[in-house]
Structures are given as structure tokens and as C-alpha cells.
N, C-alpha and C. Protein backbone atom coordinates (compact mmCIF):
# COMPACT_ATOMS: atom_id res chain seq x y z
N UNK A 1 267.55 146.71 -156.12
CA UNK A 1 266.42 146.46 -156.99
C UNK A 1 265.13 146.99 -156.37
N UNK A 2 265.04 146.93 -155.07
CA UNK A 2 263.86 147.43 -154.39
C UNK A 2 263.71 148.93 -154.61
N UNK A 3 264.83 149.66 -154.68
CA UNK A 3 264.77 151.10 -154.93
C UNK A 3 264.17 151.40 -156.29
N UNK A 4 264.53 150.61 -157.30
CA UNK A 4 263.97 150.82 -158.63
C UNK A 4 262.47 150.56 -158.64
N UNK A 5 262.03 149.56 -157.92
CA UNK A 5 260.60 149.26 -157.84
C UNK A 5 259.85 150.41 -157.18
N UNK A 6 260.40 150.92 -156.09
CA UNK A 6 259.77 152.05 -155.42
C UNK A 6 259.74 153.29 -156.30
N UNK A 7 260.82 153.53 -157.03
CA UNK A 7 260.89 154.67 -157.93
C UNK A 7 259.84 154.55 -159.02
N UNK A 8 259.69 153.38 -159.58
CA UNK A 8 258.70 153.16 -160.63
C UNK A 8 257.29 153.42 -160.11
N UNK A 9 256.98 152.95 -158.92
CA UNK A 9 255.66 153.17 -158.34
C UNK A 9 255.40 154.64 -158.10
N UNK A 10 256.43 155.36 -157.70
CA UNK A 10 256.29 156.77 -157.42
C UNK A 10 256.05 157.58 -158.69
N UNK A 11 256.73 157.22 -159.76
CA UNK A 11 256.63 157.99 -161.00
C UNK A 11 255.31 157.78 -161.71
N UNK A 12 254.70 156.67 -161.55
CA UNK A 12 253.41 156.44 -162.20
C UNK A 12 253.25 155.01 -162.63
N UNK A 13 252.04 154.54 -162.53
CA UNK A 13 251.77 153.14 -162.84
C UNK A 13 251.39 152.94 -164.30
N UNK A 14 251.20 154.00 -165.06
CA UNK A 14 250.72 153.88 -166.43
C UNK A 14 251.83 153.72 -167.46
N UNK A 15 253.07 153.92 -167.07
CA UNK A 15 254.17 153.81 -168.02
C UNK A 15 254.45 152.36 -168.35
N UNK A 16 254.79 152.11 -169.59
CA UNK A 16 255.20 150.77 -170.00
C UNK A 16 256.60 150.51 -169.46
N UNK A 17 256.91 149.24 -169.26
CA UNK A 17 258.22 148.87 -168.72
C UNK A 17 259.36 149.34 -169.62
N UNK A 18 259.19 149.23 -170.92
CA UNK A 18 260.28 149.62 -171.82
C UNK A 18 260.52 151.13 -171.77
N UNK A 19 259.46 151.90 -171.67
CA UNK A 19 259.60 153.36 -171.57
C UNK A 19 260.28 153.74 -170.26
N UNK A 20 259.92 153.06 -169.20
CA UNK A 20 260.52 153.32 -167.90
C UNK A 20 262.01 153.00 -167.91
N UNK A 21 262.37 151.88 -168.53
CA UNK A 21 263.77 151.49 -168.62
C UNK A 21 264.56 152.52 -169.42
N UNK A 22 264.00 152.98 -170.52
CA UNK A 22 264.68 154.00 -171.33
C UNK A 22 264.84 155.31 -170.56
N UNK A 23 263.82 155.67 -169.82
CA UNK A 23 263.88 156.87 -169.01
C UNK A 23 265.00 156.79 -167.98
N UNK A 24 265.08 155.67 -167.28
CA UNK A 24 266.15 155.48 -166.30
C UNK A 24 267.52 155.51 -166.97
N UNK A 25 267.63 154.91 -168.12
CA UNK A 25 268.89 154.90 -168.87
C UNK A 25 269.32 156.33 -169.21
N UNK A 26 268.40 157.14 -169.70
CA UNK A 26 268.74 158.51 -170.07
C UNK A 26 269.15 159.34 -168.86
N UNK A 27 268.48 159.14 -167.73
CA UNK A 27 268.84 159.86 -166.52
C UNK A 27 270.21 159.39 -166.02
N UNK A 28 270.48 158.09 -166.12
CA UNK A 28 271.79 157.59 -165.70
C UNK A 28 272.90 158.23 -166.53
N UNK A 29 272.65 158.42 -167.82
CA UNK A 29 273.65 159.08 -168.66
C UNK A 29 273.90 160.51 -168.16
N UNK A 30 272.82 161.22 -167.83
CA UNK A 30 272.95 162.61 -167.37
C UNK A 30 273.68 162.73 -166.04
N UNK A 31 273.41 161.80 -165.11
CA UNK A 31 273.98 161.94 -163.77
C UNK A 31 275.29 161.19 -163.59
N UNK A 32 275.64 160.32 -164.51
CA UNK A 32 276.94 159.67 -164.43
C UNK A 32 276.93 158.22 -163.99
N UNK A 33 275.79 157.57 -164.01
CA UNK A 33 275.78 156.14 -163.73
C UNK A 33 274.73 155.71 -162.72
N UNK A 34 274.71 154.41 -162.51
CA UNK A 34 273.70 153.78 -161.65
C UNK A 34 273.79 154.25 -160.21
N UNK A 35 275.00 154.30 -159.66
CA UNK A 35 275.14 154.70 -158.26
C UNK A 35 274.64 156.12 -158.02
N UNK A 36 274.95 157.02 -158.93
CA UNK A 36 274.47 158.39 -158.79
C UNK A 36 272.95 158.46 -158.95
N UNK A 37 272.40 157.63 -159.82
CA UNK A 37 270.95 157.58 -159.98
C UNK A 37 270.28 157.15 -158.68
N UNK A 38 270.83 156.14 -158.04
CA UNK A 38 270.24 155.63 -156.81
C UNK A 38 270.39 156.61 -155.65
N UNK A 39 271.39 157.50 -155.74
CA UNK A 39 271.60 158.50 -154.69
C UNK A 39 270.70 159.73 -154.85
N UNK A 40 270.04 159.86 -156.00
CA UNK A 40 269.19 161.02 -156.25
C UNK A 40 267.92 160.96 -155.39
N UNK A 41 267.50 162.11 -154.94
CA UNK A 41 266.19 162.19 -154.31
C UNK A 41 265.14 162.23 -155.43
N UNK A 42 263.91 161.93 -155.09
CA UNK A 42 262.86 161.94 -156.10
C UNK A 42 262.64 163.34 -156.66
N UNK A 43 262.80 164.36 -155.83
CA UNK A 43 262.64 165.72 -156.34
C UNK A 43 263.74 166.07 -157.34
N UNK A 44 264.96 165.64 -157.07
CA UNK A 44 266.05 165.89 -158.01
C UNK A 44 265.82 165.12 -159.31
N UNK A 45 265.34 163.90 -159.19
CA UNK A 45 265.02 163.10 -160.37
C UNK A 45 263.96 163.80 -161.22
N UNK A 46 262.94 164.34 -160.56
CA UNK A 46 261.88 165.06 -161.27
C UNK A 46 262.40 166.30 -161.97
N UNK A 47 263.31 167.02 -161.33
CA UNK A 47 263.89 168.22 -161.95
C UNK A 47 264.73 167.86 -163.16
N UNK A 48 265.46 166.76 -163.08
CA UNK A 48 266.25 166.32 -164.22
C UNK A 48 265.33 165.98 -165.39
N UNK A 49 264.22 165.32 -165.09
CA UNK A 49 263.25 164.99 -166.15
C UNK A 49 262.68 166.25 -166.79
N UNK A 50 262.36 167.25 -165.98
CA UNK A 50 261.85 168.51 -166.52
C UNK A 50 262.87 169.16 -167.45
N UNK A 51 264.13 169.16 -167.04
CA UNK A 51 265.19 169.74 -167.86
C UNK A 51 265.36 168.97 -169.17
N UNK A 52 265.27 167.66 -169.09
CA UNK A 52 265.40 166.85 -170.30
C UNK A 52 264.24 167.11 -171.26
N UNK A 53 263.02 167.27 -170.72
CA UNK A 53 261.87 167.59 -171.57
C UNK A 53 262.03 168.96 -172.21
N UNK A 54 262.50 169.94 -171.44
CA UNK A 54 262.72 171.28 -171.97
C UNK A 54 263.76 171.24 -173.09
N UNK A 55 264.84 170.52 -172.85
CA UNK A 55 265.91 170.42 -173.84
C UNK A 55 265.38 169.79 -175.13
N UNK A 56 264.57 168.77 -174.99
CA UNK A 56 264.00 168.12 -176.16
C UNK A 56 263.10 169.07 -176.95
N UNK A 57 262.28 169.85 -176.25
CA UNK A 57 261.41 170.83 -176.92
C UNK A 57 262.22 171.87 -177.67
N UNK A 58 263.29 172.35 -177.03
CA UNK A 58 264.14 173.36 -177.67
C UNK A 58 264.81 172.80 -178.92
N UNK A 59 265.26 171.57 -178.86
CA UNK A 59 265.89 170.94 -180.02
C UNK A 59 264.88 170.76 -181.14
N UNK A 60 263.64 170.41 -180.79
CA UNK A 60 262.60 170.26 -181.81
C UNK A 60 262.27 171.59 -182.46
N UNK A 61 262.24 172.67 -181.68
CA UNK A 61 262.00 174.00 -182.23
C UNK A 61 263.10 174.37 -183.23
N UNK A 62 264.34 174.07 -182.86
CA UNK A 62 265.47 174.38 -183.73
C UNK A 62 265.43 173.61 -185.02
N UNK A 63 265.02 172.36 -184.96
CA UNK A 63 264.99 171.56 -186.19
C UNK A 63 263.84 172.00 -187.09
N UNK A 64 262.77 172.52 -186.53
CA UNK A 64 261.66 173.03 -187.34
C UNK A 64 262.05 174.29 -188.08
N UNK A 65 262.86 175.14 -187.43
CA UNK A 65 263.30 176.39 -188.06
C UNK A 65 264.23 176.12 -189.23
N UNK A 66 265.02 175.06 -189.16
CA UNK A 66 265.98 174.74 -190.20
C UNK A 66 265.25 174.30 -191.47
N UNK A 67 264.17 173.59 -191.31
CA UNK A 67 263.41 173.11 -192.47
C UNK A 67 262.82 174.27 -193.17
């Protein structure tokens, strides 16, 4: 639990708790679970977040073209 607290402090103090929980949940899905999440370095966690943001932007572009 202490690791999660440290991770939250590192990522930013302005995020709401529910958003932070959802973010961790999505990363856990990508990496394969809680243990793998806890084994990630902060730089790896940041890269995963960047990839997830990029993927979301690309999906939004695709849905706009369909309309």
C-alpha cells in the first residue's frame, strides 16, 4: 500500500482519487495485474501512460472519420 501512496505522490497531487484509481486499473490491465504494476519503474509507468494516451487519440481520430 505504501508503494501506491508513493506512486500517487509522484504522478501529481491534483488528480482526484477516482481518476487515479481508474488510471491504475487501466495500467494493470495492460501489464497483466497488480504484481506487474508494482514491479514497474516510474519511467516505464510513464511510457505506458503515453502509449495509452496516443492510442486513445488515434481511436478518436478514427471515430471522427467514420461520422
